[in-house]
Amino acid sequence: MATVYFTASSLDGFIVDDHGSLDWLTSREIDVDGPFGYRAFEQGVGAVVMGSATYEWLVANQPGEWMYSQPSWVLTRRPQIVAEGHPVTVFSGEVADLHPRLVDAAGERDVWVMGGGDVAAQFVAAGLVDEMIVSYAPCSLGSGAPVLPVRSEWTLVETGVNGDFVCARWRFNR
């Protein structure tokens, strides 16, 4: 079991552009069953945590039933953002207080820190992230939301290529 920040990034380190768009990401080719692919990763996930911006993007861009079977949390002080019928738990507080609940819910599987970067930074600053897996797209955005807006040290463990992406697994240096 590990706590993993699994995300994508532009070459210059941004998750979304200044307009909150992921067009730069969704227009690229990636094999969900390939190296560092989403499908294999998702099968190992037992609990999901994300910020309100990520949740709101999912609701706006993938409407309908909640797409994750795993227990899911949204970090927000606005519980009213949760769409009716979504089995999502709202949490506002220190991530160190939430983490044991995430680990319990995940069981033998991983906790996925879905993001965004501010949420991941909270978990990293608290020393709760074990690994970071980043798929780097062949573009730069110039500005936007940073992939990890906190100072931290990592060790490169593994790399690969999947479609248009260069992927890397990093281990957090505690």
C-alpha atoms as a PDB file:
ATOM      1  CA  MET A   1       0.000   0.000   0.000  1.00  0.00           C
ATOM      2  CA  ALA A   2       1.256   3.445  -0.917  1.00  0.00           C
ATOM      3  CA  THR A   3      -0.039   6.971  -1.227  1.00  0.00           C
ATOM      4  CA  VAL A   4       0.553   7.996  -4.841  1.00  0.00           C
ATOM      5  CA  TYR A   5       0.188  11.310  -6.635  1.00  0.00           C
ATOM      6  CA  PHE A   6      -0.679  10.206 -10.195  1.00  0.00           C
ATOM      7  CA  THR A   7      -0.980  13.089 -12.654  1.00  0.00           C
ATOM      8  CA  ALA A   8       0.011  14.610 -15.959  1.00  0.00           C
ATOM      9  CA  SER A   9       2.035  17.722 -16.617  1.00  0.00           C
ATOM     10  CA  SER A  10       3.200  19.996 -19.371  1.00  0.00           C
ATOM     11  CA  LEU A  11       6.971  20.077 -19.863  1.00  0.00           C
ATOM     12  CA  ASP A  12       7.122  23.319 -17.897  1.00  0.00           C
ATOM     13  CA  GLY A  13       5.310  21.833 -14.908  1.00  0.00           C
ATOM     14  CA  PHE A  14       1.647  22.827 -15.166  1.00  0.00           C
ATOM     15  CA  ILE A  15      -1.466  20.660 -14.723  1.00  0.00           C
ATOM     16  CA  VAL A  16      -3.972  23.053 -16.288  1.00  0.00           C
ATOM     17  CA  ASP A  17      -3.580  26.267 -18.245  1.00  0.00           C
ATOM     18  CA  ASP A  18      -4.689  29.730 -17.088  1.00  0.00           C
ATOM     19  CA  HIS A  19      -8.244  28.992 -18.266  1.00  0.00           C
ATOM     20  CA  GLY A  20      -8.543  25.697 -16.346  1.00  0.00           C
ATOM     21  CA  SER A  21      -8.375  23.769 -19.626  1.00  0.00           C
ATOM     22  CA  LEU A  22      -6.958  20.312 -20.157  1.00  0.00           C
ATOM     23  CA  ASP A  23      -7.188  20.516 -23.953  1.00  0.00           C
ATOM     24  CA  TRP A  24      -3.395  20.294 -24.118  1.00  0.00           C
ATOM     25  CA  LEU A  25      -3.681  16.912 -22.360  1.00  0.00           C
ATOM     26  CA  THR A  26      -6.831  15.354 -23.797  1.00  0.00           C
ATOM     27  CA  SER A  27      -5.727  15.992 -27.390  1.00  0.00           C
ATOM     28  CA  ARG A  28      -2.649  13.750 -26.949  1.00  0.00           C
ATOM     29  CA  GLU A  29      -2.319  10.034 -27.568  1.00  0.00           C
ATOM     30  CA  ILE A  30      -1.778   7.718 -24.597  1.00  0.00           C
ATOM     31  CA  ASP A  31      -2.490   4.005 -24.191  1.00  0.00           C
ATOM     32  CA  VAL A  32      -4.458   3.386 -20.977  1.00  0.00           C
ATOM     33  CA  ASP A  33      -3.056  -0.174 -21.025  1.00  0.00           C
ATOM     34  CA  GLY A  34       0.512   0.889 -21.891  1.00  0.00           C
ATOM     35  CA  PRO A  35       3.480   1.714 -19.660  1.00  0.00           C
ATOM     36  CA  PHE A  36       2.358   3.885 -16.737  1.00  0.00           C
ATOM     37  CA  GLY A  37      -1.168   3.534 -18.123  1.00  0.00           C
ATOM     38  CA  TYR A  38      -4.243   4.597 -16.238  1.00  0.00           C
ATOM     39  CA  ARG A  39      -6.059   1.248 -16.298  1.00  0.00           C
ATOM     40  CA  ALA A  40      -3.374  -0.737 -14.448  1.00  0.00           C
ATOM     41  CA  PHE A  41      -2.849   2.105 -12.001  1.00  0.00           C
ATOM     42  CA  GLU A  42      -6.572   2.494 -11.292  1.00  0.00           C
ATOM     43  CA  GLN A  43      -6.969  -1.226 -10.561  1.00  0.00           C
ATOM     44  CA  GLY A  44      -4.484  -0.845  -7.704  1.00  0.00           C
ATOM     45  CA  VAL A  45      -6.316   2.121  -6.155  1.00  0.00           C
ATOM     46  CA  GLY A  46      -8.467   1.628  -3.074  1.00  0.00           C
ATOM     47  CA  ALA A  47      -9.316   5.253  -2.224  1.00  0.00           C
ATOM     48  CA  VAL A  48      -9.289   8.578  -4.077  1.00  0.00           C
ATOM     49  CA  VAL A  49      -8.802  12.126  -2.804  1.00  0.00           C
ATOM     50  CA  MET A  50      -8.978  15.343  -4.828  1.00  0.00           C
ATOM     51  CA  GLY A  51      -9.502  19.068  -4.483  1.00  0.00           C
ATOM     52  CA  SER A  52     -12.655  20.966  -5.287  1.00  0.00           C
ATOM     53  CA  ALA A  53     -11.329  22.288  -8.618  1.00  0.00           C
ATOM     54  CA  THR A  54     -10.614  18.744  -9.823  1.00  0.00           C
ATOM     55  CA  TYR A  55     -14.018  17.551  -8.639  1.00  0.00           C
ATOM     56  CA  GLU A  56     -15.802  20.461 -10.327  1.00  0.00           C
ATOM     57  CA  TRP A  57     -13.874  19.799 -13.572  1.00  0.00           C
ATOM     58  CA  LEU A  58     -14.960  16.140 -13.478  1.00  0.00           C
ATOM     59  CA  VAL A  59     -18.617  17.094 -12.904  1.00  0.00           C
ATOM     60  CA  ALA A  60     -18.527  19.625 -15.756  1.00  0.00           C
ATOM     61  CA  ASN A  61     -16.633  17.447 -18.241  1.00  0.00           C
ATOM     62  CA  GLN A  62     -17.794  13.934 -17.334  1.00  0.00           C
ATOM     63  CA  PRO A  63     -21.375  14.426 -16.113  1.00  0.00           C
ATOM     64  CA  GLY A  64     -23.584  11.614 -14.933  1.00  0.00           C
ATOM     65  CA  GLU A  65     -22.879   8.839 -12.487  1.00  0.00           C
ATOM     66  CA  TRP A  66     -19.730   8.984 -10.374  1.00  0.00           C
ATOM     67  CA  MET A  67     -16.973   7.256 -12.332  1.00  0.00           C
ATOM     68  CA  TYR A  68     -14.994   5.809  -9.414  1.00  0.00           C
ATOM     69  CA  SER A  69     -15.994   2.686  -7.527  1.00  0.00           C
ATOM     70  CA  GLN A  70     -13.441   3.471  -4.828  1.00  0.00           C
ATOM     71  CA  PRO A  71     -14.345   5.536  -1.758  1.00  0.00           C
ATOM     72  CA  SER A  72     -13.732   9.166  -2.779  1.00  0.00           C
ATOM     73  CA  TRP A  73     -13.051  12.361  -0.863  1.00  0.00           C
ATOM     74  CA  VAL A  74     -13.114  15.990  -1.963  1.00  0.00           C
ATOM     75  CA  LEU A  75     -11.188  18.582   0.012  1.00  0.00           C
ATOM     76  CA  THR A  76     -13.508  21.576   0.220  1.00  0.00           C
ATOM     77  CA  ARG A  77     -15.347  23.873   2.579  1.00  0.00           C
ATOM     78  CA  ARG A  78     -18.253  23.927   0.091  1.00  0.00           C
ATOM     79  CA  PRO A  79     -20.215  20.694   0.535  1.00  0.00           C
ATOM     80  CA  GLN A  80     -22.904  22.016  -1.809  1.00  0.00           C
ATOM     81  CA  ILE A  81     -20.626  21.393  -4.830  1.00  0.00           C
ATOM     82  CA  VAL A  82     -21.157  17.628  -4.583  1.00  0.00           C
ATOM     83  CA  ALA A  83     -23.600  16.514  -7.263  1.00  0.00           C
ATOM     84  CA  GLU A  84     -26.666  14.596  -6.165  1.00  0.00           C
ATOM     85  CA  GLY A  85     -26.042  10.872  -6.224  1.00  0.00           C
ATOM     86  CA  HIS A  86     -22.257  11.106  -6.081  1.00  0.00           C
ATOM     87  CA  PRO A  87     -20.937   8.905  -3.247  1.00  0.00           C
ATOM     88  CA  VAL A  88     -18.275  11.453  -2.309  1.00  0.00           C
ATOM     89  CA  THR A  89     -17.229  12.475   1.188  1.00  0.00           C
ATOM     90  CA  VAL A  90     -16.392  16.124   1.788  1.00  0.00           C
ATOM     91  CA  PHE A  91     -13.480  16.944   4.092  1.00  0.00           C
ATOM     92  CA  SER A  92     -12.167  20.286   5.298  1.00  0.00           C
ATOM     93  CA  GLY A  93      -9.229  20.137   7.620  1.00  0.00           C
ATOM     94  CA  GLU A  94      -5.647  18.980   7.804  1.00  0.00           C
ATOM     95  CA  VAL A  95      -4.758  16.200   5.359  1.00  0.00           C
ATOM     96  CA  ALA A  96      -2.807  14.483   8.151  1.00  0.00           C
ATOM     97  CA  ASP A  97      -6.148  13.994   9.927  1.00  0.00           C
ATOM     98  CA  LEU A  98      -7.771  12.555   6.792  1.00  0.00           C
ATOM     99  CA  HIS A  99      -4.927  10.282   5.701  1.00  0.00           C
ATOM    100  CA  PRO A 100      -5.605   7.430   8.189  1.00  0.00           C
ATOM    101  CA  ARG A 101      -9.216   7.265   6.924  1.00  0.00           C
ATOM    102  CA  LEU A 102      -7.964   7.102   3.324  1.00  0.00           C
ATOM    103  CA  VAL A 103      -5.534   4.307   4.197  1.00  0.00           C
ATOM    104  CA  ASP A 104      -8.250   2.352   6.041  1.00  0.00           C
ATOM    105  CA  ALA A 105     -10.647   2.738   3.107  1.00  0.00           C
ATOM    106  CA  ALA A 106      -7.951   1.672   0.609  1.00  0.00           C
ATOM    107  CA  GLY A 107      -7.231  -1.565   2.462  1.00  0.00           C
ATOM    108  CA  GLU A 108      -4.402  -3.392   0.718  1.00  0.00           C
ATOM    109  CA  ARG A 109      -4.521  -1.047  -2.271  1.00  0.00           C
ATOM    110  CA  ASP A 110      -3.108   2.443  -2.885  1.00  0.00           C
ATOM    111  CA  VAL A 111      -4.445   5.872  -1.997  1.00  0.00           C
ATOM    112  CA  TRP A 112      -4.616   8.056  -5.096  1.00  0.00           C
ATOM    113  CA  VAL A 113      -3.944  11.736  -4.528  1.00  0.00           C
ATOM    114  CA  MET A 114      -5.638  12.840  -7.721  1.00  0.00           C
ATOM    115  CA  GLY A 115      -4.949  16.499  -7.297  1.00  0.00           C
ATOM    116  CA  GLY A 116      -4.635  19.109  -8.165  1.00  0.00           C
ATOM    117  CA  GLY A 117      -1.228  20.423  -7.349  1.00  0.00           C
ATOM    118  CA  ASP A 118      -2.318  22.313  -4.235  1.00  0.00           C
ATOM    119  CA  VAL A 119      -3.871  19.156  -2.777  1.00  0.00           C
ATOM    120  CA  ALA A 120      -0.773  17.125  -3.632  1.00  0.00           C
ATOM    121  CA  ALA A 121       1.387  19.825  -2.033  1.00  0.00           C
ATOM    122  CA  GLN A 122      -0.562  19.479   1.226  1.00  0.00           C
ATOM    123  CA  PHE A 123       0.042  15.720   1.299  1.00  0.00           C
ATOM    124  CA  VAL A 124       3.727  16.124   0.339  1.00  0.00           C
ATOM    125  CA  ALA A 125       4.306  18.844   2.960  1.00  0.00           C
ATOM    126  CA  ALA A 126       2.815  16.513   5.580  1.00  0.00           C
ATOM    127  CA  GLY A 127       5.169  13.713   4.434  1.00  0.00           C
ATOM    128  CA  LEU A 128       2.259  11.497   3.358  1.00  0.00           C
ATOM    129  CA  VAL A 129       3.045  10.850  -0.326  1.00  0.00           C
ATOM    130  CA  ASP A 130       5.222   7.843  -1.106  1.00  0.00           C
ATOM    131  CA  GLU A 131       5.372   8.128  -4.893  1.00  0.00           C
ATOM    132  CA  MET A 132       4.591  10.555  -7.661  1.00  0.00           C
ATOM    133  CA  ILE A 133       3.858   9.297 -11.176  1.00  0.00           C
ATOM    134  CA  VAL A 134       3.861  12.014 -13.822  1.00  0.00           C
ATOM    135  CA  SER A 135       3.100  11.696 -17.537  1.00  0.00           C
ATOM    136  CA  TYR A 136       4.790  14.641 -19.267  1.00  0.00           C
ATOM    137  CA  ALA A 137       3.092  15.950 -22.419  1.00  0.00           C
ATOM    138  CA  PRO A 138       5.229  17.369 -25.255  1.00  0.00           C
ATOM    139  CA  CYS A 139       4.135  20.967 -24.770  1.00  0.00           C
ATOM    140  CA  SER A 140       4.680  23.978 -22.555  1.00  0.00           C
ATOM    141  CA  LEU A 141       1.884  26.164 -21.227  1.00  0.00           C
ATOM    142  CA  GLY A 142       3.873  29.119 -19.917  1.00  0.00           C
ATOM    143  CA  SER A 143       1.642  29.437 -16.862  1.00  0.00           C
ATOM    144  CA  GLY A 144      -1.268  27.786 -15.099  1.00  0.00           C
ATOM    145  CA  ALA A 145      -1.671  25.576 -12.039  1.00  0.00           C
ATOM    146  CA  PRO A 146       1.680  24.039 -11.048  1.00  0.00           C
ATOM    147  CA  VAL A 147       1.984  20.267 -10.788  1.00  0.00           C
ATOM    148  CA  LEU A 148       3.481  20.512  -7.272  1.00  0.00           C
ATOM    149  CA  PRO A 149       3.757  23.984  -5.705  1.00  0.00           C
ATOM    150  CA  VAL A 150       5.902  22.993  -2.737  1.00  0.00           C
ATOM    151  CA  ARG A 151       9.610  22.460  -2.316  1.00  0.00           C
ATOM    152  CA  SER A 152      10.397  18.766  -2.097  1.00  0.00           C
ATOM    153  CA  GLU A 153      13.069  16.235  -3.038  1.00  0.00           C
ATOM    154  CA  TRP A 154      12.459  13.099  -5.094  1.00  0.00           C
ATOM    155  CA  THR A 155      14.411  10.127  -6.446  1.00  0.00           C
ATOM    156  CA  LEU A 156      13.724   8.932  -9.988  1.00  0.00           C
ATOM    157  CA  VAL A 157      12.767   5.242  -9.836  1.00  0.00           C
ATOM    158  CA  GLU A 158      11.498   4.374 -13.311  1.00  0.00           C
ATOM    159  CA  THR A 159      10.796   5.954 -16.707  1.00  0.00           C
ATOM    160  CA  GLY A 160       8.920   4.977 -19.827  1.00  0.00           C
ATOM    161  CA  VAL A 161       7.241   6.224 -22.974  1.00  0.00           C
ATOM    162  CA  ASN A 162       3.523   5.906 -23.578  1.00  0.00           C
ATOM    163  CA  GLY A 163       2.110   7.403 -26.760  1.00  0.00           C
ATOM    164  CA  ASP A 164       3.001  11.098 -26.813  1.00  0.00           C
ATOM    165  CA  PHE A 165       4.101  11.087 -23.153  1.00  0.00           C
ATOM    166  CA  VAL A 166       7.334  10.585 -21.269  1.00  0.00           C
ATOM    167  CA  CYS A 167       6.387   9.050 -17.928  1.00  0.00           C
ATOM    168  CA  ALA A 168       8.304   8.944 -14.667  1.00  0.00           C
ATOM    169  CA  ARG A 169       7.856   7.348 -11.257  1.00  0.00           C
ATOM    170  CA  TRP A 170       9.433   9.292  -8.416  1.00  0.00           C
ATOM    171  CA  ARG A 171       9.934   8.258  -4.771  1.00  0.00           C
ATOM    172  CA  PHE A 172       9.612  10.951  -2.109  1.00  0.00           C
ATOM    173  CA  ASN A 173      12.799  11.615  -0.113  1.00  0.00           C
ATOM    174  CA  ARG A 174      11.663  11.959   3.496  1.00  0.00           C
END
